Amino acid sequence: MKKLGTVYPYKARLYKGKKEIGYCIDTPNAIAKAIMETGATMVKEYLGHIVLASKYADRMQSWNTCISGVILK
């Protein structure tokens, strides 16, 4: 997979508590999939908004087969 930012211009930062654990593609479905894959509790979206993972609960379902592009630190 190409480095994030090469194909997908924006990345969201994933956090468990205050610790940054990695990045993913910054789209709602990709963020939700990344939360499911990593157990992240917060997300810093591209525009700098920090939100709780629960914001994406409606997208964290089995139908979400999106590629998250997660890169762990």
PDB file of N, CA and C in Angstrom:
ATOM      1  N   MET A   1       0.846  -1.181   0.000  1.00  0.00           N
ATOM      2  CA  MET A   1       0.000   0.000   0.000  1.00  0.00           C
ATOM      3  C   MET A   1       0.888   1.241   0.000  1.00  0.00           C
ATOM      4  N   LYS A   2       0.488   2.233  -0.759  1.00  0.00           N
ATOM      5  CA  LYS A   2       1.248   3.476  -0.807  1.00  0.00           C
ATOM      6  C   LYS A   2       1.111   4.226   0.509  1.00  0.00           C
ATOM      7  N   LYS A   3       2.117   5.031   0.798  1.00  0.00           N
ATOM      8  CA  LYS A   3       2.117   5.836   2.015  1.00  0.00           C
ATOM      9  C   LYS A   3       0.904   6.758   2.040  1.00  0.00           C
ATOM     10  N   LEU A   4       0.255   6.864   3.205  1.00  0.00           N
ATOM     11  CA  LEU A   4      -0.898   7.740   3.349  1.00  0.00           C
ATOM     12  C   LEU A   4      -0.529   9.156   2.943  1.00  0.00           C
ATOM     13  N   GLY A   5      -1.401   9.815   2.243  1.00  0.00           N
ATOM     14  CA  GLY A   5      -1.136  11.164   1.777  1.00  0.00           C
ATOM     15  C   GLY A   5      -0.721  11.169   0.312  1.00  0.00           C
ATOM     16  N   THR A   6      -0.291  10.004  -0.187  1.00  0.00           N
ATOM     17  CA  THR A   6       0.083   9.900  -1.586  1.00  0.00           C
ATOM     18  C   THR A   6      -1.165   9.723  -2.444  1.00  0.00           C
ATOM     19  N   VAL A   7      -2.027   8.803  -2.035  1.00  0.00           N
ATOM     20  CA  VAL A   7      -3.259   8.531  -2.760  1.00  0.00           C
ATOM     21  C   VAL A   7      -4.425   9.264  -2.117  1.00  0.00           C
ATOM     22  N   TYR A   8      -4.518   9.150  -0.800  1.00  0.00           N
ATOM     23  CA  TYR A   8      -5.583   9.806  -0.046  1.00  0.00           C
ATOM     24  C   TYR A   8      -4.979  11.048   0.596  1.00  0.00           C
ATOM     25  N   PRO A   9      -5.451  12.238   0.253  1.00  0.00           N
ATOM     26  CA  PRO A   9      -4.778  13.456   0.680  1.00  0.00           C
ATOM     27  C   PRO A   9      -4.899  13.787   2.164  1.00  0.00           C
ATOM     28  N   TYR A  10      -5.852  13.191   2.859  1.00  0.00           N
ATOM     29  CA  TYR A  10      -6.037  13.549   4.261  1.00  0.00           C
ATOM     30  C   TYR A  10      -5.971  12.332   5.150  1.00  0.00           C
ATOM     31  N   LYS A  11      -5.456  12.520   6.347  1.00  0.00           N
ATOM     32  CA  LYS A  11      -5.412  11.426   7.307  1.00  0.00           C
ATOM     33  C   LYS A  11      -5.958  11.898   8.644  1.00  0.00           C
ATOM     34  N   ALA A  12      -6.578  10.974   9.338  1.00  0.00           N
ATOM     35  CA  ALA A  12      -7.093  11.244  10.677  1.00  0.00           C
ATOM     36  C   ALA A  12      -6.147  10.576  11.669  1.00  0.00           C
ATOM     37  N   ARG A  13      -5.956  11.201  12.815  1.00  0.00           N
ATOM     38  CA  ARG A  13      -5.095  10.631  13.856  1.00  0.00           C
ATOM     39  C   ARG A  13      -5.961   9.853  14.836  1.00  0.00           C
ATOM     40  N   LEU A  14      -5.481   8.678  15.214  1.00  0.00           N
ATOM     41  CA  LEU A  14      -6.215   7.805  16.124  1.00  0.00           C
ATOM     42  C   LEU A  14      -5.559   7.832  17.504  1.00  0.00           C
ATOM     43  N   TYR A  15      -6.380   7.860  18.547  1.00  0.00           N
ATOM     44  CA  TYR A  15      -5.886   7.924  19.923  1.00  0.00           C
ATOM     45  C   TYR A  15      -6.552   6.876  20.799  1.00  0.00           C
ATOM     46  N   LYS A  16      -5.785   6.338  21.737  1.00  0.00           N
ATOM     47  CA  LYS A  16      -6.319   5.558  22.853  1.00  0.00           C
ATOM     48  C   LYS A  16      -5.998   6.405  24.079  1.00  0.00           C
ATOM     49  N   GLY A  17      -7.012   7.003  24.652  1.00  0.00           N
ATOM     50  CA  GLY A  17      -6.778   7.969  25.717  1.00  0.00           C
ATOM     51  C   GLY A  17      -6.037   9.161  25.130  1.00  0.00           C
ATOM     52  N   LYS A  18      -4.931   9.536  25.763  1.00  0.00           N
ATOM     53  CA  LYS A  18      -4.142  10.676  25.265  1.00  0.00           C
ATOM     54  C   LYS A  18      -3.010  10.242  24.335  1.00  0.00           C
ATOM     55  N   LYS A  19      -2.826   8.925  24.181  1.00  0.00           N
ATOM     56  CA  LYS A  19      -1.719   8.411  23.383  1.00  0.00           C
ATOM     57  C   LYS A  19      -2.131   8.234  21.922  1.00  0.00           C
ATOM     58  N   GLU A  20      -1.391   8.875  21.033  1.00  0.00           N
ATOM     59  CA  GLU A  20      -1.628   8.709  19.603  1.00  0.00           C
ATOM     60  C   GLU A  20      -1.132   7.326  19.194  1.00  0.00           C
ATOM     61  N   ILE A  21      -2.005   6.556  18.544  1.00  0.00           N
ATOM     62  CA  ILE A  21      -1.640   5.187  18.182  1.00  0.00           C
ATOM     63  C   ILE A  21      -1.439   4.992  16.686  1.00  0.00           C
ATOM     64  N   GLY A  22      -1.863   5.935  15.882  1.00  0.00           N
ATOM     65  CA  GLY A  22      -1.674   5.799  14.450  1.00  0.00           C
ATOM     66  C   GLY A  22      -2.533   6.746  13.636  1.00  0.00           C
ATOM     67  N   TYR A  23      -2.648   6.411  12.339  1.00  0.00           N
ATOM     68  CA  TYR A  23      -3.375   7.228  11.378  1.00  0.00           C
ATOM     69  C   TYR A  23      -4.290   6.346  10.540  1.00  0.00           C
ATOM     70  N   CYS A  24      -5.252   6.971   9.898  1.00  0.00           N
ATOM     71  CA  CYS A  24      -6.085   6.272   8.921  1.00  0.00           C
ATOM     72  C   CYS A  24      -6.573   7.291   7.900  1.00  0.00           C
ATOM     73  N   ILE A  25      -7.227   6.781   6.867  1.00  0.00           N
ATOM     74  CA  ILE A  25      -7.816   7.648   5.851  1.00  0.00           C
ATOM     75  C   ILE A  25      -8.940   8.460   6.503  1.00  0.00           C
ATOM     76  N   ASP A  26      -9.034   9.727   6.186  1.00  0.00           N
ATOM     77  CA  ASP A  26     -10.027  10.602   6.810  1.00  0.00           C
ATOM     78  C   ASP A  26     -11.319  10.655   6.008  1.00  0.00           C
ATOM     79  N   THR A  27     -12.057   9.563   6.063  1.00  0.00           N
ATOM     80  CA  THR A  27     -13.443   9.530   5.574  1.00  0.00           C
ATOM     81  C   THR A  27     -14.246   8.869   6.683  1.00  0.00           C
ATOM     82  N   PRO A  28     -15.523   9.150   6.804  1.00  0.00           N
ATOM     83  CA  PRO A  28     -16.293   8.580   7.911  1.00  0.00           C
ATOM     84  C   PRO A  28     -16.248   7.056   7.992  1.00  0.00           C
ATOM     85  N   ASN A  29     -16.405   6.357   6.863  1.00  0.00           N
ATOM     86  CA  ASN A  29     -16.371   4.898   6.909  1.00  0.00           C
ATOM     87  C   ASN A  29     -14.985   4.364   7.231  1.00  0.00           C
ATOM     88  N   ALA A  30     -13.948   4.991   6.704  1.00  0.00           N
ATOM     89  CA  ALA A  30     -12.579   4.549   6.991  1.00  0.00           C
ATOM     90  C   ALA A  30     -12.241   4.772   8.462  1.00  0.00           C
ATOM     91  N   ILE A  31     -12.651   5.885   9.017  1.00  0.00           N
ATOM     92  CA  ILE A  31     -12.400   6.156  10.433  1.00  0.00           C
ATOM     93  C   ILE A  31     -13.126   5.126  11.291  1.00  0.00           C
ATOM     94  N   ALA A  32     -14.389   4.847  10.974  1.00  0.00           N
ATOM     95  CA  ALA A  32     -15.150   3.855  11.737  1.00  0.00           C
ATOM     96  C   ALA A  32     -14.482   2.486  11.669  1.00  0.00           C
ATOM     97  N   LYS A  33     -14.025   2.095  10.495  1.00  0.00           N
ATOM     98  CA  LYS A  33     -13.349   0.802  10.331  1.00  0.00           C
ATOM     99  C   LYS A  33     -12.053   0.783  11.129  1.00  0.00           C
ATOM    100  N   ALA A  34     -11.310   1.879  11.120  1.00  0.00           N
ATOM    101  CA  ALA A  34     -10.060   1.967  11.880  1.00  0.00           C
ATOM    102  C   ALA A  34     -10.317   1.842  13.381  1.00  0.00           C
ATOM    103  N   ILE A  35     -11.391   2.448  13.853  1.00  0.00           N
ATOM    104  CA  ILE A  35     -11.747   2.338  15.272  1.00  0.00           C
ATOM    105  C   ILE A  35     -12.035   0.875  15.611  1.00  0.00           C
ATOM    106  N   MET A  36     -12.759   0.193  14.735  1.00  0.00           N
ATOM    107  CA  MET A  36     -13.050  -1.228  14.963  1.00  0.00           C
ATOM    108  C   MET A  36     -11.773  -2.060  14.966  1.00  0.00           C
ATOM    109  N   GLU A  37     -10.827  -1.731  14.100  1.00  0.00           N
ATOM    110  CA  GLU A  37      -9.583  -2.501  13.988  1.00  0.00           C
ATOM    111  C   GLU A  37      -8.608  -2.244  15.127  1.00  0.00           C
ATOM    112  N   THR A  38      -8.620  -1.030  15.677  1.00  0.00           N
ATOM    113  CA  THR A  38      -7.594  -0.657  16.656  1.00  0.00           C
ATOM    114  C   THR A  38      -8.102  -0.459  18.075  1.00  0.00           C
ATOM    115  N   GLY A  39      -9.389  -0.256  18.236  1.00  0.00           N
ATOM    116  CA  GLY A  39      -9.924   0.046  19.561  1.00  0.00           C
ATOM    117  C   GLY A  39      -9.667   1.484  19.980  1.00  0.00           C
ATOM    118  N   ALA A  40      -9.411   2.355  19.008  1.00  0.00           N
ATOM    119  CA  ALA A  40      -9.183   3.777  19.311  1.00  0.00           C
ATOM    120  C   ALA A  40     -10.388   4.358  20.049  1.00  0.00           C
ATOM    121  N   THR A  41     -10.127   5.318  20.914  1.00  0.00           N
ATOM    122  CA  THR A  41     -11.202   5.931  21.695  1.00  0.00           C
ATOM    123  C   THR A  41     -11.509   7.359  21.257  1.00  0.00           C
ATOM    124  N   MET A  42     -10.550   7.985  20.551  1.00  0.00           N
ATOM    125  CA  MET A  42     -10.742   9.346  20.052  1.00  0.00           C
ATOM    126  C   MET A  42     -10.102   9.468  18.680  1.00  0.00           C
ATOM    127  N   VAL A  43     -10.579  10.449  17.923  1.00  0.00           N
ATOM    128  CA  VAL A  43     -10.062  10.695  16.584  1.00  0.00           C
ATOM    129  C   VAL A  43      -9.862  12.190  16.412  1.00  0.00           C
ATOM    130  N   LYS A  44      -8.712  12.561  15.852  1.00  0.00           N
ATOM    131  CA  LYS A  44      -8.487  13.953  15.475  1.00  0.00           C
ATOM    132  C   LYS A  44      -8.665  14.023  13.970  1.00  0.00           C
ATOM    133  N   GLU A  45      -9.768  14.622  13.554  1.00  0.00           N
ATOM    134  CA  GLU A  45     -10.095  14.706  12.143  1.00  0.00           C
ATOM    135  C   GLU A  45      -9.221  15.756  11.455  1.00  0.00           C
ATOM    136  N   TYR A  46      -9.250  15.750  10.132  1.00  0.00           N
ATOM    137  CA  TYR A  46      -8.392  16.625   9.332  1.00  0.00           C
ATOM    138  C   TYR A  46      -8.454  18.094   9.738  1.00  0.00           C
ATOM    139  N   LEU A  47      -9.627  18.606   9.991  1.00  0.00           N
ATOM    140  CA  LEU A  47      -9.757  20.024  10.342  1.00  0.00           C
ATOM    141  C   LEU A  47      -9.376  20.319  11.783  1.00  0.00           C
ATOM    142  N   GLY A  48      -8.895  19.313  12.509  1.00  0.00           N
ATOM    143  CA  GLY A  48      -8.417  19.518  13.866  1.00  0.00           C
ATOM    144  C   GLY A  48      -9.427  19.228  14.954  1.00  0.00           C
ATOM    145  N   HIS A  49     -10.634  18.828  14.580  1.00  0.00           N
ATOM    146  CA  HIS A  49     -11.644  18.498  15.583  1.00  0.00           C
ATOM    147  C   HIS A  49     -11.302  17.164  16.238  1.00  0.00           C
ATOM    148  N   ILE A  50     -11.294  17.131  17.547  1.00  0.00           N
ATOM    149  CA  ILE A  50     -11.084  15.884  18.275  1.00  0.00           C
ATOM    150  C   ILE A  50     -12.450  15.401  18.739  1.00  0.00           C
ATOM    151  N   VAL A  51     -12.794  14.176  18.343  1.00  0.00           N
ATOM    152  CA  VAL A  51     -14.108  13.627  18.654  1.00  0.00           C
ATOM    153  C   VAL A  51     -13.964  12.247  19.290  1.00  0.00           C
ATOM    154  N   LEU A  52     -14.959  11.862  20.046  1.00  0.00           N
ATOM    155  CA  LEU A  52     -14.993  10.523  20.628  1.00  0.00           C
ATOM    156  C   LEU A  52     -15.334   9.504  19.545  1.00  0.00           C
ATOM    157  N   ALA A  53     -14.837   8.310  19.728  1.00  0.00           N
ATOM    158  CA  ALA A  53     -15.095   7.240  18.767  1.00  0.00           C
ATOM    159  C   ALA A  53     -16.590   6.977  18.615  1.00  0.00           C
ATOM    160  N   SER A  54     -17.348   7.246  19.649  1.00  0.00           N
ATOM    161  CA  SER A  54     -18.790   6.991  19.603  1.00  0.00           C
ATOM    162  C   SER A  54     -19.491   7.797  18.501  1.00  0.00           C
ATOM    163  N   LYS A  55     -18.874   8.860  18.020  1.00  0.00           N
ATOM    164  CA  LYS A  55     -19.444   9.636  16.911  1.00  0.00           C
ATOM    165  C   LYS A  55     -19.656   8.746  15.687  1.00  0.00           C
ATOM    166  N   TYR A  56     -18.837   7.725  15.555  1.00  0.00           N
ATOM    167  CA  TYR A  56     -18.872   6.842  14.387  1.00  0.00           C
ATOM    168  C   TYR A  56     -19.595   5.525  14.656  1.00  0.00           C
ATOM    169  N   ALA A  57     -20.289   5.419  15.780  1.00  0.00           N
ATOM    170  CA  ALA A  57     -20.941   4.166  16.179  1.00  0.00           C
ATOM    171  C   ALA A  57     -21.907   3.643  15.118  1.00  0.00           C
ATOM    172  N   ASP A  58     -22.622   4.535  14.450  1.00  0.00           N
ATOM    173  CA  ASP A  58     -23.585   4.083  13.443  1.00  0.00           C
ATOM    174  C   ASP A  58     -22.913   3.475  12.216  1.00  0.00           C
ATOM    175  N   ARG A  59     -21.637   3.755  12.016  1.00  0.00           N
ATOM    176  CA  ARG A  59     -20.886   3.206  10.880  1.00  0.00           C
ATOM    177  C   ARG A  59     -20.016   2.014  11.285  1.00  0.00           C
ATOM    178  N   MET A  60     -19.928   1.760  12.580  1.00  0.00           N
ATOM    179  CA  MET A  60     -19.123   0.645  13.079  1.00  0.00           C
ATOM    180  C   MET A  60     -19.983  -0.614  13.107  1.00  0.00           C
ATOM    181  N   GLN A  61     -20.328  -1.078  11.909  1.00  0.00           N
ATOM    182  CA  GLN A  61     -21.220  -2.224  11.723  1.00  0.00           C
ATOM    183  C   GLN A  61     -20.568  -3.218  10.763  1.00  0.00           C
ATOM    184  N   SER A  62     -21.103  -4.420  10.732  1.00  0.00           N
ATOM    185  CA  SER A  62     -20.539  -5.470   9.875  1.00  0.00           C
ATOM    186  C   SER A  62     -20.597  -5.113   8.388  1.00  0.00           C
ATOM    187  N   TRP A  63     -21.523  -4.260   7.978  1.00  0.00           N
ATOM    188  CA  TRP A  63     -21.615  -3.880   6.568  1.00  0.00           C
ATOM    189  C   TRP A  63     -20.456  -2.982   6.124  1.00  0.00           C
ATOM    190  N   ASN A  64     -19.740  -2.395   7.086  1.00  0.00           N
ATOM    191  CA  ASN A  64     -18.639  -1.488   6.747  1.00  0.00           C
ATOM    192  C   ASN A  64     -17.402  -2.305   6.379  1.00  0.00           C
ATOM    193  N   THR A  65     -17.195  -2.493   5.111  1.00  0.00           N
ATOM    194  CA  THR A  65     -16.036  -3.244   4.618  1.00  0.00           C
ATOM    195  C   THR A  65     -15.001  -2.307   3.998  1.00  0.00           C
ATOM    196  N   CYS A  66     -15.067  -1.074   4.370  1.00  0.00           N
ATOM    197  CA  CYS A  66     -14.173  -0.032   3.855  1.00  0.00           C
ATOM    198  C   CYS A  66     -12.714  -0.353   4.208  1.00  0.00           C
ATOM    199  N   ILE A  67     -11.799   0.076   3.368  1.00  0.00           N
ATOM    200  CA  ILE A  67     -10.366  -0.020   3.679  1.00  0.00           C
ATOM    201  C   ILE A  67     -10.028   1.189   4.537  1.00  0.00           C
ATOM    202  N   SER A  68      -9.496   0.953   5.724  1.00  0.00           N
ATOM    203  CA  SER A  68      -9.205   2.052   6.642  1.00  0.00           C
ATOM    204  C   SER A  68      -7.852   2.701   6.383  1.00  0.00           C
ATOM    205  N   GLY A  69      -6.922   1.947   5.836  1.00  0.00           N
ATOM    206  CA  GLY A  69      -5.585   2.488   5.627  1.00  0.00           C
ATOM    207  C   GLY A  69      -4.825   2.719   6.906  1.00  0.00           C
ATOM    208  N   VAL A  70      -5.128   1.979   7.969  1.00  0.00           N
ATOM    209  CA  VAL A  70      -4.489   2.184   9.272  1.00  0.00           C
ATOM    210  C   VAL A  70      -2.991   1.974   9.176  1.00  0.00           C
ATOM    211  N   ILE A  71      -2.264   2.917   9.747  1.00  0.00           N
ATOM    212  CA  ILE A  71      -0.822   2.806   9.934  1.00  0.00           C
ATOM    213  C   ILE A  71      -0.590   3.054  11.417  1.00  0.00           C
ATOM    214  N   LEU A  72      -0.158   2.023  12.142  1.00  0.00           N
ATOM    215  CA  LEU A  72       0.087   2.158  13.564  1.00  0.00           C
ATOM    216  C   LEU A  72       1.472   2.714  13.822  1.00  0.00           C
ATOM    217  N   LYS A  73       1.604   3.458  14.901  1.00  0.00           N
ATOM    218  CA  LYS A  73       2.908   4.028  15.278  1.00  0.00           C
ATOM    219  C   LYS A  73       3.748   2.990  15.970  1.00  0.00           C
TER     220      LYS A  73
END
